[in-house]
Structure formats: C-alpha cells, structure tokens
Amino acid sequence: VDLKNVPIFVEGSSEIIENQLISIASRLSE
C-alpha cells in the first residue's frame, strides 16, 4: 500500500509532540 494519498490522523500528548507527529506523518502521506 502506497500511503501517499492515504489520510493519516495524528494526535499528540502536547502541542509540541503533535507538531512532531504531523512532520513525521507528512513524510508518509500528503
């Protein structure tokens, strides 16, 4: 499965962590 166009939903324990997860997930999906 190519995740490029797959919706990925993220949530973090803090705003900082959430932003980190957005950055990581954005390397997998648009």
Full PDB file with SEQRES, HELIX, SHEET, SSBOND, CRYST1, ORIGX, SCALE, CONECT and MASTER records, all heavy atoms in Angstrom:
SEQRES   1 A   30  VAL ASP LEU LYS ASN VAL PRO ILE PHE VAL GLU GLY SER          
SEQRES   2 A   30  SER GLU ILE ILE GLU ASN GLN LEU ILE SER ILE ALA SER          
SEQRES   3 A   30  ARG LEU SER GLU                                              
HELIX    1 AA1 LEU A    3  ASN A    5  5                                   3    
HELIX    2 AA2 GLU A   15  ALA A   25  1                                  11    
CRYST1    1.000    1.000    1.000  90.00  90.00  90.00 P 1           1          
ORIGX1      1.000000  0.000000  0.000000        0.00000                         
ORIGX2      0.000000  1.000000  0.000000        0.00000                         
ORIGX3      0.000000  0.000000  1.000000        0.00000                         
SCALE1      1.000000  0.000000  0.000000        0.00000                         
SCALE2      0.000000  1.000000  0.000000        0.00000                         
SCALE3      0.000000  0.000000  1.000000        0.00000                         
ATOM      1  N   VAL A   1       0.853  -1.189   0.000  1.00  0.00           N  
ATOM      2  CA  VAL A   1       0.000   0.000   0.000  1.00  0.00           C  
ATOM      3  C   VAL A   1       0.888   1.238   0.000  1.00  0.00           C  
ATOM      4  O   VAL A   1       1.763   1.383   0.860  1.00  0.00           O  
ATOM      5  CB  VAL A   1      -0.925   0.028   1.237  1.00  0.00           C  
ATOM      6  CG1 VAL A   1      -1.697   1.347   1.286  1.00  0.00           C  
ATOM      7  CG2 VAL A   1      -1.897  -1.145   1.204  1.00  0.00           C  
ATOM      8  N   ASP A   2       0.679   2.114  -0.969  1.00  0.00           N  
ATOM      9  CA  ASP A   2       1.362   3.401  -1.005  1.00  0.00           C  
ATOM     10  C   ASP A   2       0.542   4.375  -0.169  1.00  0.00           C  
ATOM     11  O   ASP A   2      -0.633   4.630  -0.465  1.00  0.00           O  
ATOM     12  CB  ASP A   2       1.475   3.894  -2.446  1.00  0.00           C  
ATOM     13  CG  ASP A   2       2.294   5.170  -2.565  1.00  0.00           C  
ATOM     14  OD1 ASP A   2       2.634   5.769  -1.519  1.00  0.00           O  
ATOM     15  OD2 ASP A   2       2.586   5.585  -3.703  1.00  0.00           O  
ATOM     16  N   LEU A   3       1.153   4.930   0.873  1.00  0.00           N  
ATOM     17  CA  LEU A   3       0.425   5.791   1.793  1.00  0.00           C  
ATOM     18  C   LEU A   3       0.332   7.244   1.335  1.00  0.00           C  
ATOM     19  O   LEU A   3      -0.262   8.070   2.029  1.00  0.00           O  
ATOM     20  CB  LEU A   3       1.093   5.748   3.178  1.00  0.00           C  
ATOM     21  CG  LEU A   3       1.081   4.398   3.891  1.00  0.00           C  
ATOM     22  CD1 LEU A   3       1.847   4.490   5.199  1.00  0.00           C  
ATOM     23  CD2 LEU A   3      -0.345   3.931   4.138  1.00  0.00           C  
ATOM     24  N   LYS A   4       0.887   7.565   0.182  1.00  0.00           N  
ATOM     25  CA  LYS A   4       0.980   8.951  -0.253  1.00  0.00           C  
ATOM     26  C   LYS A   4      -0.356   9.672  -0.217  1.00  0.00           C  
ATOM     27  O   LYS A   4      -0.447  10.824   0.217  1.00  0.00           O  
ATOM     28  CB  LYS A   4       1.565   9.017  -1.669  1.00  0.00           C  
ATOM     29  CG  LYS A   4       1.729  10.431  -2.197  1.00  0.00           C  
ATOM     30  CD  LYS A   4       2.325  10.436  -3.603  1.00  0.00           C  
ATOM     31  CE  LYS A   4       2.469  11.850  -4.142  1.00  0.00           C  
ATOM     32  NZ  LYS A   4       3.030  11.849  -5.526  1.00  0.00           N  
ATOM     33  N   ASN A   5      -1.427   9.011  -0.672  1.00  0.00           N  
ATOM     34  CA  ASN A   5      -2.745   9.646  -0.718  1.00  0.00           C  
ATOM     35  C   ASN A   5      -3.699   9.106   0.341  1.00  0.00           C  
ATOM     36  O   ASN A   5      -4.909   9.365   0.282  1.00  0.00           O  
ATOM     37  CB  ASN A   5      -3.366   9.451  -2.106  1.00  0.00           C  
ATOM     38  CG  ASN A   5      -2.605  10.204  -3.180  1.00  0.00           C  
ATOM     39  OD1 ASN A   5      -2.314  11.389  -3.026  1.00  0.00           O  
ATOM     40  ND2 ASN A   5      -2.270   9.508  -4.262  1.00  0.00           N  
ATOM     41  N   VAL A   6      -3.161   8.382   1.309  1.00  0.00           N  
ATOM     42  CA  VAL A   6      -3.982   7.817   2.384  1.00  0.00           C  
ATOM     43  C   VAL A   6      -4.121   8.843   3.509  1.00  0.00           C  
ATOM     44  O   VAL A   6      -3.119   9.370   3.992  1.00  0.00           O  
ATOM     45  CB  VAL A   6      -3.347   6.524   2.936  1.00  0.00           C  
ATOM     46  CG1 VAL A   6      -4.090   6.051   4.179  1.00  0.00           C  
ATOM     47  CG2 VAL A   6      -3.360   5.437   1.861  1.00  0.00           C  
ATOM     48  N   PRO A   7      -5.342   9.144   3.960  1.00  0.00           N  
ATOM     49  CA  PRO A   7      -5.493  10.051   5.102  1.00  0.00           C  
ATOM     50  C   PRO A   7      -4.848   9.464   6.355  1.00  0.00           C  
ATOM     51  O   PRO A   7      -5.087   8.303   6.695  1.00  0.00           O  
ATOM     52  CB  PRO A   7      -7.012  10.163   5.266  1.00  0.00           C  
ATOM     53  CG  PRO A   7      -7.589   9.753   3.962  1.00  0.00           C  
ATOM     54  CD  PRO A   7      -6.648   8.718   3.416  1.00  0.00           C  
ATOM     55  N   ILE A   8      -4.013  10.255   7.017  1.00  0.00           N  
ATOM     56  CA  ILE A   8      -3.406   9.846   8.281  1.00  0.00           C  
ATOM     57  C   ILE A   8      -3.836  10.845   9.346  1.00  0.00           C  
ATOM     58  O   ILE A   8      -3.686  12.058   9.177  1.00  0.00           O  
ATOM     59  CB  ILE A   8      -1.875   9.794   8.192  1.00  0.00           C  
ATOM     60  CG1 ILE A   8      -1.431   8.701   7.214  1.00  0.00           C  
ATOM     61  CG2 ILE A   8      -1.263   9.538   9.567  1.00  0.00           C  
ATOM     62  CD1 ILE A   8       0.073   8.532   7.102  1.00  0.00           C  
ATOM     63  N   PHE A   9      -4.371  10.336  10.442  1.00  0.00           N  
ATOM     64  CA  PHE A   9      -4.851  11.173  11.533  1.00  0.00           C  
ATOM     65  C   PHE A   9      -3.898  11.042  12.727  1.00  0.00           C  
ATOM     66  O   PHE A   9      -3.556   9.932  13.135  1.00  0.00           O  
ATOM     67  CB  PHE A   9      -6.271  10.766  11.919  1.00  0.00           C  
ATOM     68  CG  PHE A   9      -7.247  10.930  10.791  1.00  0.00           C  
ATOM     69  CD1 PHE A   9      -7.516   9.873   9.922  1.00  0.00           C  
ATOM     70  CD2 PHE A   9      -7.871  12.143  10.562  1.00  0.00           C  
ATOM     71  CE1 PHE A   9      -8.398  10.025   8.856  1.00  0.00           C  
ATOM     72  CE2 PHE A   9      -8.748  12.310   9.499  1.00  0.00           C  
ATOM     73  CZ  PHE A   9      -9.021  11.253   8.651  1.00  0.00           C  
ATOM     74  N   VAL A  10      -3.467  12.178  13.245  1.00  0.00           N  
ATOM     75  CA  VAL A  10      -2.491  12.176  14.327  1.00  0.00           C  
ATOM     76  C   VAL A  10      -3.046  12.904  15.538  1.00  0.00           C  
ATOM     77  O   VAL A  10      -3.929  13.760  15.433  1.00  0.00           O  
ATOM     78  CB  VAL A  10      -1.156  12.831  13.896  1.00  0.00           C  
ATOM     79  CG1 VAL A  10      -0.562  12.117  12.699  1.00  0.00           C  
ATOM     80  CG2 VAL A  10      -1.339  14.315  13.596  1.00  0.00           C  
ATOM     81  N   GLU A  11      -2.491  12.550  16.683  1.00  0.00           N  
ATOM     82  CA  GLU A  11      -2.823  13.203  17.951  1.00  0.00           C  
ATOM     83  C   GLU A  11      -1.614  13.061  18.861  1.00  0.00           C  
ATOM     84  O   GLU A  11      -0.984  12.005  18.893  1.00  0.00           O  
ATOM     85  CB  GLU A  11      -4.057  12.543  18.580  1.00  0.00           C  
ATOM     86  CG  GLU A  11      -4.531  13.213  19.854  1.00  0.00           C  
ATOM     87  CD  GLU A  11      -5.731  12.511  20.470  1.00  0.00           C  
ATOM     88  OE1 GLU A  11      -6.018  11.351  20.096  1.00  0.00           O  
ATOM     89  OE2 GLU A  11      -6.372  13.119  21.336  1.00  0.00           O  
ATOM     90  N   GLY A  12      -1.270  14.114  19.587  1.00  0.00           N  
ATOM     91  CA  GLY A  12      -0.096  14.072  20.444  1.00  0.00           C  
ATOM     92  C   GLY A  12      -0.400  14.446  21.877  1.00  0.00           C  
ATOM     93  O   GLY A  12      -1.411  15.086  22.176  1.00  0.00           O  
ATOM     94  N   SER A  13       0.500  14.070  22.771  1.00  0.00           N  
ATOM     95  CA  SER A  13       0.329  14.342  24.196  1.00  0.00           C  
ATOM     96  C   SER A  13       0.514  15.815  24.537  1.00  0.00           C  
ATOM     97  O   SER A  13       0.162  16.258  25.626  1.00  0.00           O  
ATOM     98  CB  SER A  13       1.308  13.495  25.012  1.00  0.00           C  
ATOM     99  OG  SER A  13       2.643  13.698  24.562  1.00  0.00           O  
ATOM    100  N   SER A  14       1.068  16.584  23.620  1.00  0.00           N  
ATOM    101  CA  SER A  14       1.217  18.022  23.787  1.00  0.00           C  
ATOM    102  C   SER A  14       1.258  18.651  22.401  1.00  0.00           C  
ATOM    103  O   SER A  14       1.375  17.947  21.389  1.00  0.00           O  
ATOM    104  CB  SER A  14       2.501  18.358  24.542  1.00  0.00           C  
ATOM    105  OG  SER A  14       3.639  18.052  23.742  1.00  0.00           O  
ATOM    106  N   GLU A  15       1.175  19.966  22.361  1.00  0.00           N  
ATOM    107  CA  GLU A  15       1.220  20.644  21.061  1.00  0.00           C  
ATOM    108  C   GLU A  15       2.551  20.400  20.365  1.00  0.00           C  
ATOM    109  O   GLU A  15       2.605  20.210  19.144  1.00  0.00           O  
ATOM    110  CB  GLU A  15       0.995  22.137  21.249  1.00  0.00           C  
ATOM    111  CG  GLU A  15       0.944  22.916  19.938  1.00  0.00           C  
ATOM    112  CD  GLU A  15       0.654  24.388  20.143  1.00  0.00           C  
ATOM    113  OE1 GLU A  15       0.373  24.790  21.282  1.00  0.00           O  
ATOM    114  OE2 GLU A  15       0.700  25.141  19.155  1.00  0.00           O  
ATOM    115  N   ILE A  16       3.622  20.388  21.143  1.00  0.00           N  
ATOM    116  CA  ILE A  16       4.947  20.153  20.564  1.00  0.00           C  
ATOM    117  C   ILE A  16       5.012  18.760  19.941  1.00  0.00           C  
ATOM    118  O   ILE A  16       5.468  18.586  18.805  1.00  0.00           O  
ATOM    119  CB  ILE A  16       6.044  20.325  21.629  1.00  0.00           C  
ATOM    120  CG1 ILE A  16       6.139  21.795  22.055  1.00  0.00           C  
ATOM    121  CG2 ILE A  16       7.395  19.836  21.106  1.00  0.00           C  
ATOM    122  CD1 ILE A  16       7.107  22.035  23.199  1.00  0.00           C  
ATOM    123  N   ILE A  17       4.566  17.766  20.698  1.00  0.00           N  
ATOM    124  CA  ILE A  17       4.590  16.389  20.194  1.00  0.00           C  
ATOM    125  C   ILE A  17       3.667  16.247  18.995  1.00  0.00           C  
ATOM    126  O   ILE A  17       4.005  15.568  18.007  1.00  0.00           O  
ATOM    127  CB  ILE A  17       4.199  15.400  21.304  1.00  0.00           C  
ATOM    128  CG1 ILE A  17       5.228  15.435  22.440  1.00  0.00           C  
ATOM    129  CG2 ILE A  17       4.080  13.985  20.749  1.00  0.00           C  
ATOM    130  CD1 ILE A  17       6.641  15.129  22.003  1.00  0.00           C  
ATOM    131  N   GLU A  18       2.530  16.897  19.042  1.00  0.00           N  
ATOM    132  CA  GLU A  18       1.605  16.818  17.917  1.00  0.00           C  
ATOM    133  C   GLU A  18       2.234  17.362  16.636  1.00  0.00           C  
ATOM    134  O   GLU A  18       2.089  16.780  15.557  1.00  0.00           O  
ATOM    135  CB  GLU A  18       0.337  17.596  18.248  1.00  0.00           C  
ATOM    136  CG  GLU A  18      -0.862  17.212  17.409  1.00  0.00           C  
ATOM    137  CD  GLU A  18      -2.143  17.532  18.143  1.00  0.00           C  
ATOM    138  OE1 GLU A  18      -2.560  18.706  18.095  1.00  0.00           O  
ATOM    139  OE2 GLU A  18      -2.724  16.620  18.767  1.00  0.00           O  
ATOM    140  N   ASN A  19       2.941  18.475  16.772  1.00  0.00           N  
ATOM    141  CA  ASN A  19       3.630  19.047  15.606  1.00  0.00           C  
ATOM    142  C   ASN A  19       4.712  18.109  15.095  1.00  0.00           C  
ATOM    143  O   ASN A  19       4.942  18.010  13.877  1.00  0.00           O  
ATOM    144  CB  ASN A  19       4.219  20.408  15.956  1.00  0.00           C  
ATOM    145  CG  ASN A  19       3.154  21.480  16.106  1.00  0.00           C  
ATOM    146  OD1 ASN A  19       2.082  21.389  15.507  1.00  0.00           O  
ATOM    147  ND2 ASN A  19       3.429  22.497  16.915  1.00  0.00           N  
ATOM    148  N   GLN A  20       5.391  17.425  16.017  1.00  0.00           N  
ATOM    149  CA  GLN A  20       6.382  16.445  15.614  1.00  0.00           C  
ATOM    150  C   GLN A  20       5.733  15.306  14.831  1.00  0.00           C  
ATOM    151  O   GLN A  20       6.251  14.858  13.798  1.00  0.00           O  
ATOM    152  CB  GLN A  20       7.097  15.881  16.847  1.00  0.00           C  
ATOM    153  CG  GLN A  20       7.961  16.888  17.599  1.00  0.00           C  
ATOM    154  CD  GLN A  20       9.293  17.100  16.914  1.00  0.00           C  
ATOM    155  OE1 GLN A  20       9.954  16.147  16.539  1.00  0.00           O  
ATOM    156  NE2 GLN A  20       9.684  18.354  16.757  1.00  0.00           N  
ATOM    157  N   LEU A  21       4.574  14.852  15.307  1.00  0.00           N  
ATOM    158  CA  LEU A  21       3.879  13.752  14.636  1.00  0.00           C  
ATOM    159  C   LEU A  21       3.353  14.174  13.269  1.00  0.00           C  
ATOM    160  O   LEU A  21       3.356  13.382  12.322  1.00  0.00           O  
ATOM    161  CB  LEU A  21       2.727  13.243  15.510  1.00  0.00           C  
ATOM    162  CG  LEU A  21       3.146  12.524  16.791  1.00  0.00           C  
ATOM    163  CD1 LEU A  21       1.924  12.158  17.621  1.00  0.00           C  
ATOM    164  CD2 LEU A  21       3.959  11.286  16.478  1.00  0.00           C  
ATOM    165  N   ILE A  22       2.912  15.413  13.154  1.00  0.00           N  
ATOM    166  CA  ILE A  22       2.488  15.926  11.849  1.00  0.00           C  
ATOM    167  C   ILE A  22       3.661  15.869  10.869  1.00  0.00           C  
ATOM    168  O   ILE A  22       3.511  15.449   9.712  1.00  0.00           O  
ATOM    169  CB  ILE A  22       1.958  17.369  11.975  1.00  0.00           C  
ATOM    170  CG1 ILE A  22       0.630  17.386  12.734  1.00  0.00           C  
ATOM    171  CG2 ILE A  22       1.781  18.000  10.596  1.00  0.00           C  
ATOM    172  CD1 ILE A  22       0.145  18.777  13.086  1.00  0.00           C  
ATOM    173  N   SER A  23       4.835  16.285  11.336  1.00  0.00           N  
ATOM    174  CA  SER A  23       6.022  16.277  10.478  1.00  0.00           C  
ATOM    175  C   SER A  23       6.404  14.861  10.066  1.00  0.00           C  
ATOM    176  O   SER A  23       6.748  14.609   8.908  1.00  0.00           O  
ATOM    177  CB  SER A  23       7.195  16.950  11.198  1.00  0.00           C  
ATOM    178  OG  SER A  23       6.922  18.310  11.458  1.00  0.00           O  
ATOM    179  N   ILE A  24       6.349  13.939  11.017  1.00  0.00           N  
ATOM    180  CA  ILE A  24       6.696  12.545  10.709  1.00  0.00           C  
ATOM    181  C   ILE A  24       5.686  11.943   9.739  1.00  0.00           C  
ATOM    182  O   ILE A  24       6.047  11.325   8.732  1.00  0.00           O  
ATOM    183  CB  ILE A  24       6.770  11.713  12.007  1.00  0.00           C  
ATOM    184  CG1 ILE A  24       7.948  12.170  12.867  1.00  0.00           C  
ATOM    185  CG2 ILE A  24       6.893  10.220  11.680  1.00  0.00           C  
ATOM    186  CD1 ILE A  24       7.951  11.584  14.270  1.00  0.00           C  
ATOM    187  N   ALA A  25       4.385  12.111  10.036  1.00  0.00           N  
ATOM    188  CA  ALA A  25       3.346  11.538   9.183  1.00  0.00           C  
ATOM    189  C   ALA A  25       3.361  12.151   7.792  1.00  0.00           C  
ATOM    190  O   ALA A  25       3.031  11.482   6.806  1.00  0.00           O  
ATOM    191  CB  ALA A  25       1.973  11.726   9.834  1.00  0.00           C  
ATOM    192  N   SER A  26       3.761  13.413   7.698  1.00  0.00           N  
ATOM    193  CA  SER A  26       3.796  14.086   6.387  1.00  0.00           C  
ATOM    194  C   SER A  26       4.874  13.524   5.480  1.00  0.00           C  
ATOM    195  O   SER A  26       4.858  13.762   4.267  1.00  0.00           O  
ATOM    196  CB  SER A  26       4.004  15.590   6.581  1.00  0.00           C  
ATOM    197  OG  SER A  26       2.896  16.174   7.238  1.00  0.00           O  
ATOM    198  N   ARG A  27       5.801  12.782   6.039  1.00  0.00           N  
ATOM    199  CA  ARG A  27       6.796  12.098   5.223  1.00  0.00           C  
ATOM    200  C   ARG A  27       6.207  10.846   4.581  1.00  0.00           C  
ATOM    201  O   ARG A  27       6.759  10.293   3.636  1.00  0.00           O  
ATOM    202  CB  ARG A  27       8.016  11.736   6.073  1.00  0.00           C  
ATOM    203  CG  ARG A  27       8.727  12.969   6.604  1.00  0.00           C  
ATOM    204  CD  ARG A  27       9.761  12.632   7.656  1.00  0.00           C  
ATOM    205  NE  ARG A  27      10.882  11.876   7.122  1.00  0.00           N  
ATOM    206  CZ  ARG A  27      11.974  11.560   7.836  1.00  0.00           C  
ATOM    207  NH1 ARG A  27      12.059  11.962   9.097  1.00  0.00           N  
ATOM    208  NH2 ARG A  27      12.944  10.876   7.284  1.00  0.00           N  
ATOM    209  N   LEU A  28       5.066  10.402   5.106  1.00  0.00           N  
ATOM    210  CA  LEU A  28       4.397   9.212   4.581  1.00  0.00           C  
ATOM    211  C   LEU A  28       3.233   9.557   3.676  1.00  0.00           C  
ATOM    212  O   LEU A  28       2.966   8.847   2.704  1.00  0.00           O  
ATOM    213  CB  LEU A  28       3.879   8.350   5.739  1.00  0.00           C  
ATOM    214  CG  LEU A  28       4.902   7.851   6.751  1.00  0.00           C  
ATOM    215  CD1 LEU A  28       4.184   7.233   7.947  1.00  0.00           C  
ATOM    216  CD2 LEU A  28       5.841   6.837   6.119  1.00  0.00           C  
ATOM    217  N   SER A  29       2.513  10.621   3.997  1.00  0.00           N  
ATOM    218  CA  SER A  29       1.282  10.952   3.289  1.00  0.00           C  
ATOM    219  C   SER A  29       1.163  12.454   3.072  1.00  0.00           C  
ATOM    220  O   SER A  29       1.673  13.252   3.859  1.00  0.00           O  
ATOM    221  CB  SER A  29       0.070  10.460   4.097  1.00  0.00           C  
ATOM    222  OG  SER A  29      -1.140  10.936   3.558  1.00  0.00           O  
ATOM    223  N   GLU A  30       0.433  12.813   2.021  1.00  0.00           N  
ATOM    224  CA  GLU A  30       0.149  14.217   1.747  1.00  0.00           C  
ATOM    225  C   GLU A  30      -1.148  14.665   2.404  1.00  0.00           C  
ATOM    226  O   GLU A  30      -1.539  15.825   2.286  1.00  0.00           O  
ATOM    227  CB  GLU A  30       0.049  14.439   0.226  1.00  0.00           C  
ATOM    228  CG  GLU A  30       1.356  14.168  -0.510  1.00  0.00           C  
ATOM    229  CD  GLU A  30       1.206  14.330  -2.010  1.00  0.00           C  
ATOM    230  OE1 GLU A  30       0.060  14.555  -2.471  1.00  0.00           O  
ATOM    231  OE2 GLU A  30       2.233  14.243  -2.721  1.00  0.00           O  
TER     232      GLU A  30                                                      
MASTER        0    0    0    2    0    0    0    6  231    1    0    3          
END                                                                             
